[in-house]
Amino acid sequence: MKREINKLLFDIQQAAEDIEQFINNIDYSEFEKSNLIQAAVERKFEIIGEALNRIKRFDSEFIEKITDYRRIIGFRNIIAHGYDIIECEVIWAAAKKHLPILKQEVDEYINT
């Protein structure tokens, strides 16, 4: 695996760990009330999506190994450009349901 891809995977791993830390021990209602936590989680999702987009440019074969990478990149674009249509429930669901899958895959690639 190319060195640049490893760096980008590490960035994804770090952003995912940060999101987990931001929402650890809080429930949805606390998340919904905290603009600070919402903004932090959104920023880390932007980093994840941008890193995947860069991986796609570097290695079109490798990116296919990442589940739903197109949706994740699209999610990043919505957060960055459609800030006024983002729903809190969507960000929460992405962090709770979808992020663990991505994190597991990235962890496996980093450790191989």
N, C-alpha and C. Protein backbone atom coordinates (compact mmCIF):
# COMPACT_ATOMS: atom_id res chain seq x y z
N MET A 1 0.84 -1.17 0.00
CA MET A 1 0.00 0.00 0.00
C MET A 1 0.89 1.25 0.00
N LYS A 2 0.48 2.23 -0.75
CA LYS A 2 1.24 3.46 -0.87
C LYS A 2 1.29 4.21 0.46
N ARG A 3 2.39 4.89 0.66
CA ARG A 3 2.60 5.63 1.90
C ARG A 3 1.51 6.69 2.11
N GLU A 4 1.15 7.39 1.04
CA GLU A 4 0.12 8.44 1.16
C GLU A 4 -1.23 7.85 1.58
N ILE A 5 -1.56 6.68 1.06
CA ILE A 5 -2.82 6.04 1.45
C ILE A 5 -2.78 5.68 2.93
N ASN A 6 -1.66 5.18 3.40
CA ASN A 6 -1.53 4.87 4.83
C ASN A 6 -1.75 6.11 5.68
N LYS A 7 -1.19 7.23 5.26
CA LYS A 7 -1.38 8.48 6.00
C LYS A 7 -2.85 8.87 6.03
N LEU A 8 -3.52 8.76 4.90
CA LEU A 8 -4.93 9.11 4.83
C LEU A 8 -5.79 8.16 5.67
N LEU A 9 -5.45 6.88 5.67
CA LEU A 9 -6.17 5.92 6.52
C LEU A 9 -5.97 6.27 7.98
N PHE A 10 -4.77 6.69 8.32
CA PHE A 10 -4.51 7.11 9.70
C PHE A 10 -5.36 8.33 10.05
N ASP A 11 -5.47 9.28 9.13
CA ASP A 11 -6.32 10.46 9.36
C ASP A 11 -7.77 10.05 9.60
N ILE A 12 -8.26 9.09 8.81
CA ILE A 12 -9.63 8.59 8.98
C ILE A 12 -9.77 7.93 10.35
N GLN A 13 -8.79 7.11 10.70
CA GLN A 13 -8.82 6.43 11.99
C GLN A 13 -8.87 7.45 13.14
N GLN A 14 -8.04 8.47 13.06
CA GLN A 14 -8.00 9.49 14.12
C GLN A 14 -9.32 10.25 14.20
N ALA A 15 -9.87 10.63 13.04
CA ALA A 15 -11.14 11.36 13.03
C ALA A 15 -12.26 10.50 13.60
N ALA A 16 -12.27 9.23 13.26
CA ALA A 16 -13.29 8.31 13.77
C ALA A 16 -13.16 8.16 15.29
N GLU A 17 -11.95 8.04 15.77
CA GLU A 17 -11.74 7.94 17.22
C GLU A 17 -12.17 9.22 17.93
N ASP A 18 -11.92 10.35 17.29
CA ASP A 18 -12.36 11.62 17.87
C ASP A 18 -13.88 11.68 17.98
N ILE A 19 -14.56 11.27 16.91
CA ILE A 19 -16.03 11.27 16.94
C ILE A 19 -16.52 10.37 18.07
N GLU A 20 -15.94 9.19 18.17
CA GLU A 20 -16.35 8.28 19.24
C GLU A 20 -16.16 8.93 20.61
N GLN A 21 -15.06 9.63 20.78
CA GLN A 21 -14.79 10.30 22.05
C GLN A 21 -15.79 11.43 22.29
N PHE A 22 -16.12 12.20 21.25
CA PHE A 22 -17.04 13.32 21.40
C PHE A 22 -18.43 12.86 21.85
N ILE A 23 -18.86 11.70 21.36
CA ILE A 23 -20.24 11.26 21.67
C ILE A 23 -20.29 10.16 22.73
N ASN A 24 -19.15 9.81 23.25
CA ASN A 24 -19.10 8.81 24.31
C ASN A 24 -19.85 9.32 25.55
N ASN A 25 -20.67 8.47 26.09
CA ASN A 25 -21.41 8.76 27.32
C ASN A 25 -22.44 9.88 27.19
N ILE A 26 -22.89 10.17 25.97
CA ILE A 26 -24.02 11.09 25.83
C ILE A 26 -25.09 10.40 25.01
N ASP A 27 -26.32 10.86 25.18
CA ASP A 27 -27.41 10.32 24.38
C ASP A 27 -27.78 11.34 23.29
N TYR A 28 -28.75 10.96 22.48
CA TYR A 28 -29.12 11.82 21.36
C TYR A 28 -29.60 13.19 21.82
N SER A 29 -30.35 13.24 22.88
CA SER A 29 -30.89 14.54 23.31
C SER A 29 -29.76 15.49 23.72
N GLU A 30 -28.72 14.96 24.35
CA GLU A 30 -27.57 15.80 24.70
C GLU A 30 -26.83 16.26 23.44
N PHE A 31 -26.70 15.34 22.49
CA PHE A 31 -26.06 15.69 21.22
C PHE A 31 -26.83 16.80 20.51
N GLU A 32 -28.14 16.65 20.49
CA GLU A 32 -29.00 17.60 19.80
C GLU A 32 -28.91 19.00 20.43
N LYS A 33 -28.69 19.07 21.71
CA LYS A 33 -28.62 20.36 22.42
C LYS A 33 -27.25 21.02 22.31
N SER A 34 -26.23 20.27 21.93
CA SER A 34 -24.86 20.80 21.96
C SER A 34 -24.37 21.18 20.56
N ASN A 35 -24.40 22.46 20.27
CA ASN A 35 -23.85 22.93 18.99
C ASN A 35 -22.36 22.63 18.88
N LEU A 36 -21.67 22.67 20.01
CA LEU A 36 -20.24 22.42 20.02
C LEU A 36 -19.93 20.98 19.58
N ILE A 37 -20.62 20.02 20.17
CA ILE A 37 -20.37 18.62 19.82
C ILE A 37 -20.81 18.35 18.39
N GLN A 38 -21.94 18.89 17.98
CA GLN A 38 -22.40 18.71 16.60
C GLN A 38 -21.35 19.23 15.61
N ALA A 39 -20.85 20.43 15.88
CA ALA A 39 -19.85 21.02 14.97
C ALA A 39 -18.58 20.19 14.93
N ALA A 40 -18.17 19.69 16.07
CA ALA A 40 -16.96 18.87 16.13
C ALA A 40 -17.13 17.58 15.34
N VAL A 41 -18.27 16.92 15.51
CA VAL A 41 -18.54 15.67 14.79
C VAL A 41 -18.63 15.93 13.29
N GLU A 42 -19.32 16.99 12.90
CA GLU A 42 -19.43 17.31 11.49
C GLU A 42 -18.05 17.56 10.87
N ARG A 43 -17.21 18.29 11.58
CA ARG A 43 -15.85 18.57 11.07
C ARG A 43 -15.07 17.28 10.86
N LYS A 44 -15.16 16.36 11.79
CA LYS A 44 -14.43 15.10 11.65
C LYS A 44 -15.00 14.26 10.51
N PHE A 45 -16.31 14.32 10.27
CA PHE A 45 -16.87 13.63 9.11
C PHE A 45 -16.39 14.27 7.81
N GLU A 46 -16.19 15.57 7.82
CA GLU A 46 -15.62 16.23 6.64
C GLU A 46 -14.21 15.71 6.36
N ILE A 47 -13.43 15.56 7.39
CA ILE A 47 -12.06 15.04 7.24
C ILE A 47 -12.10 13.62 6.70
N ILE A 48 -12.97 12.79 7.23
CA ILE A 48 -13.09 11.41 6.77
C ILE A 48 -13.45 11.38 5.29
N GLY A 49 -14.45 12.14 4.90
CA GLY A 49 -14.88 12.15 3.50
C GLY A 49 -13.81 12.67 2.57
N GLU A 50 -13.11 13.71 2.99
CA GLU A 50 -12.04 14.26 2.14
C GLU A 50 -10.89 13.26 2.01
N ALA A 51 -10.55 12.60 3.10
CA ALA A 51 -9.47 11.60 3.04
C ALA A 51 -9.85 10.47 2.08
N LEU A 52 -11.09 10.02 2.15
CA LEU A 52 -11.54 8.97 1.22
C LEU A 52 -11.52 9.46 -0.23
N ASN A 53 -11.89 10.69 -0.44
CA ASN A 53 -11.85 11.27 -1.79
C ASN A 53 -10.42 11.29 -2.32
N ARG A 54 -9.47 11.63 -1.48
CA ARG A 54 -8.06 11.63 -1.89
C ARG A 54 -7.57 10.21 -2.17
N ILE A 55 -7.97 9.27 -1.33
CA ILE A 55 -7.59 7.87 -1.58
C ILE A 55 -8.11 7.44 -2.94
N LYS A 56 -9.34 7.82 -3.24
CA LYS A 56 -9.95 7.48 -4.53
C LYS A 56 -9.10 7.99 -5.69
N ARG A 57 -8.57 9.20 -5.54
CA ARG A 57 -7.72 9.76 -6.60
C ARG A 57 -6.38 9.04 -6.71
N PHE A 58 -5.84 8.58 -5.57
CA PHE A 58 -4.56 7.89 -5.58
C PHE A 58 -4.65 6.45 -6.08
N ASP A 59 -5.72 5.76 -5.69
CA ASP A 59 -5.79 4.33 -5.97
C ASP A 59 -7.26 3.90 -6.12
N SER A 60 -7.71 3.85 -7.36
CA SER A 60 -9.12 3.53 -7.63
C SER A 60 -9.47 2.09 -7.30
N GLU A 61 -8.48 1.22 -7.22
CA GLU A 61 -8.74 -0.17 -6.83
C GLU A 61 -8.89 -0.30 -5.32
N PHE A 62 -7.99 0.33 -4.59
CA PHE A 62 -8.03 0.21 -3.13
C PHE A 62 -9.33 0.79 -2.56
N ILE A 63 -9.77 1.91 -3.07
CA ILE A 63 -10.96 2.57 -2.52
C ILE A 63 -12.18 1.67 -2.59
N GLU A 64 -12.21 0.76 -3.55
CA GLU A 64 -13.35 -0.16 -3.68
C GLU A 64 -13.46 -1.11 -2.48
N LYS A 65 -12.40 -1.23 -1.70
CA LYS A 65 -12.41 -2.09 -0.52
C LYS A 65 -13.15 -1.46 0.66
N ILE A 66 -13.39 -0.16 0.57
CA ILE A 66 -14.05 0.57 1.66
C ILE A 66 -15.56 0.57 1.42
N THR A 67 -16.29 -0.01 2.34
CA THR A 67 -17.74 -0.10 2.23
C THR A 67 -18.36 1.29 2.15
N ASP A 68 -19.23 1.48 1.18
CA ASP A 68 -19.99 2.72 1.03
C ASP A 68 -19.14 3.98 0.90
N TYR A 69 -17.95 3.86 0.34
CA TYR A 69 -17.10 5.04 0.24
C TYR A 69 -17.76 6.17 -0.54
N ARG A 70 -18.54 5.84 -1.55
CA ARG A 70 -19.21 6.90 -2.33
C ARG A 70 -20.21 7.67 -1.46
N ARG A 71 -20.94 6.94 -0.66
CA ARG A 71 -21.92 7.58 0.23
C ARG A 71 -21.22 8.45 1.27
N ILE A 72 -20.08 7.98 1.76
CA ILE A 72 -19.35 8.74 2.78
C ILE A 72 -18.80 10.04 2.18
N ILE A 73 -18.26 9.95 0.97
CA ILE A 73 -17.78 11.16 0.29
C ILE A 73 -18.95 12.11 0.03
N GLY A 74 -20.07 11.56 -0.40
CA GLY A 74 -21.26 12.38 -0.62
C GLY A 74 -21.75 13.03 0.66
N PHE A 75 -21.68 12.30 1.76
CA PHE A 75 -22.07 12.82 3.06
C PHE A 75 -21.19 14.01 3.43
N ARG A 76 -19.91 13.87 3.18
CA ARG A 76 -18.96 14.97 3.43
C ARG A 76 -19.35 16.19 2.62
N ASN A 77 -19.71 15.99 1.36
CA ASN A 77 -20.08 17.11 0.50
C ASN A 77 -21.36 17.80 0.99
N ILE A 78 -22.29 17.01 1.48
CA ILE A 78 -23.52 17.60 2.03
C ILE A 78 -23.21 18.41 3.27
N ILE A 79 -22.37 17.89 4.15
CA ILE A 79 -22.00 18.63 5.36
C ILE A 79 -21.31 19.94 4.99
N ALA A 80 -20.38 19.86 4.03
CA ALA A 80 -19.59 21.04 3.67
C ALA A 80 -20.40 22.08 2.89
N HIS A 81 -21.25 21.63 2.00
CA HIS A 81 -21.92 22.55 1.10
C HIS A 81 -23.41 22.74 1.39
N GLY A 82 -23.99 21.79 2.09
CA GLY A 82 -25.41 21.87 2.40
C GLY A 82 -25.65 22.03 3.88
N TYR A 83 -24.80 22.82 4.50
CA TYR A 83 -24.85 22.99 5.95
C TYR A 83 -26.25 23.33 6.47
N ASP A 84 -27.04 24.00 5.65
CA ASP A 84 -28.35 24.45 6.10
C ASP A 84 -29.43 23.38 6.01
N ILE A 85 -29.08 22.23 5.44
CA ILE A 85 -30.08 21.16 5.33
C ILE A 85 -29.71 19.93 6.17
N ILE A 86 -28.61 20.02 6.88
CA ILE A 86 -28.16 18.89 7.71
C ILE A 86 -29.10 18.71 8.88
N GLU A 87 -29.53 17.49 9.06
CA GLU A 87 -30.39 17.16 10.20
C GLU A 87 -29.56 16.45 11.25
N CYS A 88 -29.77 16.83 12.46
CA CYS A 88 -29.04 16.29 13.59
C CYS A 88 -29.16 14.76 13.66
N GLU A 89 -30.36 14.25 13.36
CA GLU A 89 -30.59 12.80 13.43
C GLU A 89 -29.68 12.04 12.45
N VAL A 90 -29.44 12.65 11.30
CA VAL A 90 -28.61 12.00 10.28
C VAL A 90 -27.16 11.91 10.75
N ILE A 91 -26.66 12.98 11.31
CA ILE A 91 -25.28 12.98 11.83
C ILE A 91 -25.15 11.95 12.95
N TRP A 92 -26.12 11.93 13.85
CA TRP A 92 -26.10 10.98 14.97
C TRP A 92 -26.12 9.54 14.46
N ALA A 93 -26.99 9.26 13.51
CA ALA A 93 -27.09 7.90 12.96
C ALA A 93 -25.79 7.50 12.28
N ALA A 94 -25.19 8.41 11.54
CA ALA A 94 -23.92 8.11 10.88
C ALA A 94 -22.85 7.77 11.91
N ALA A 95 -22.82 8.54 12.98
CA ALA A 95 -21.80 8.31 14.01
C ALA A 95 -22.02 7.01 14.76
N LYS A 96 -23.27 6.69 15.04
CA LYS A 96 -23.57 5.50 15.84
C LYS A 96 -23.64 4.21 15.04
N LYS A 97 -24.17 4.28 13.82
CA LYS A 97 -24.43 3.06 13.05
C LYS A 97 -23.39 2.77 11.97
N HIS A 98 -22.94 3.80 11.29
CA HIS A 98 -22.10 3.60 10.12
C HIS A 98 -20.60 3.77 10.40
N LEU A 99 -20.28 4.68 11.28
CA LEU A 99 -18.87 4.93 11.60
C LEU A 99 -18.14 3.69 12.12
N PRO A 100 -18.76 2.89 12.99
CA PRO A 100 -18.03 1.70 13.48
C PRO A 100 -17.60 0.74 12.36
N ILE A 101 -18.40 0.63 11.32
CA ILE A 101 -18.04 -0.24 10.19
C ILE A 101 -16.81 0.30 9.48
N LEU A 102 -16.83 1.60 9.19
CA LEU A 102 -15.69 2.22 8.52
C LEU A 102 -14.44 2.10 9.39
N LYS A 103 -14.59 2.38 10.66
CA LYS A 103 -13.44 2.32 11.57
C LYS A 103 -12.84 0.93 11.62
N GLN A 104 -13.67 -0.08 11.66
CA GLN A 104 -13.17 -1.45 11.68
C GLN A 104 -12.38 -1.77 10.41
N GLU A 105 -12.92 -1.38 9.27
CA GLU A 105 -12.22 -1.64 8.00
C GLU A 105 -10.88 -0.91 7.96
N VAL A 106 -10.88 0.35 8.34
CA VAL A 106 -9.65 1.13 8.32
C VAL A 106 -8.63 0.55 9.29
N ASP A 107 -9.08 0.17 10.46
CA ASP A 107 -8.17 -0.45 11.44
C ASP A 107 -7.51 -1.70 10.87
N GLU A 108 -8.29 -2.51 10.15
CA GLU A 108 -7.74 -3.73 9.55
C GLU A 108 -6.70 -3.41 8.49
N TYR A 109 -6.93 -2.41 7.66
CA TYR A 109 -5.96 -2.05 6.62
C TYR A 109 -4.70 -1.43 7.19
N ILE A 110 -4.85 -0.67 8.25
CA ILE A 110 -3.68 -0.07 8.88
C ILE A 110 -2.81 -1.15 9.53
N ASN A 111 -3.45 -2.15 10.08
CA ASN A 111 -2.72 -3.21 10.81
C ASN A 111 -2.22 -4.34 9.91
N THR A 112 -2.39 -4.21 8.60
CA THR A 112 -1.87 -5.27 7.71
C THR A 112 -0.61 -4.84 7.01
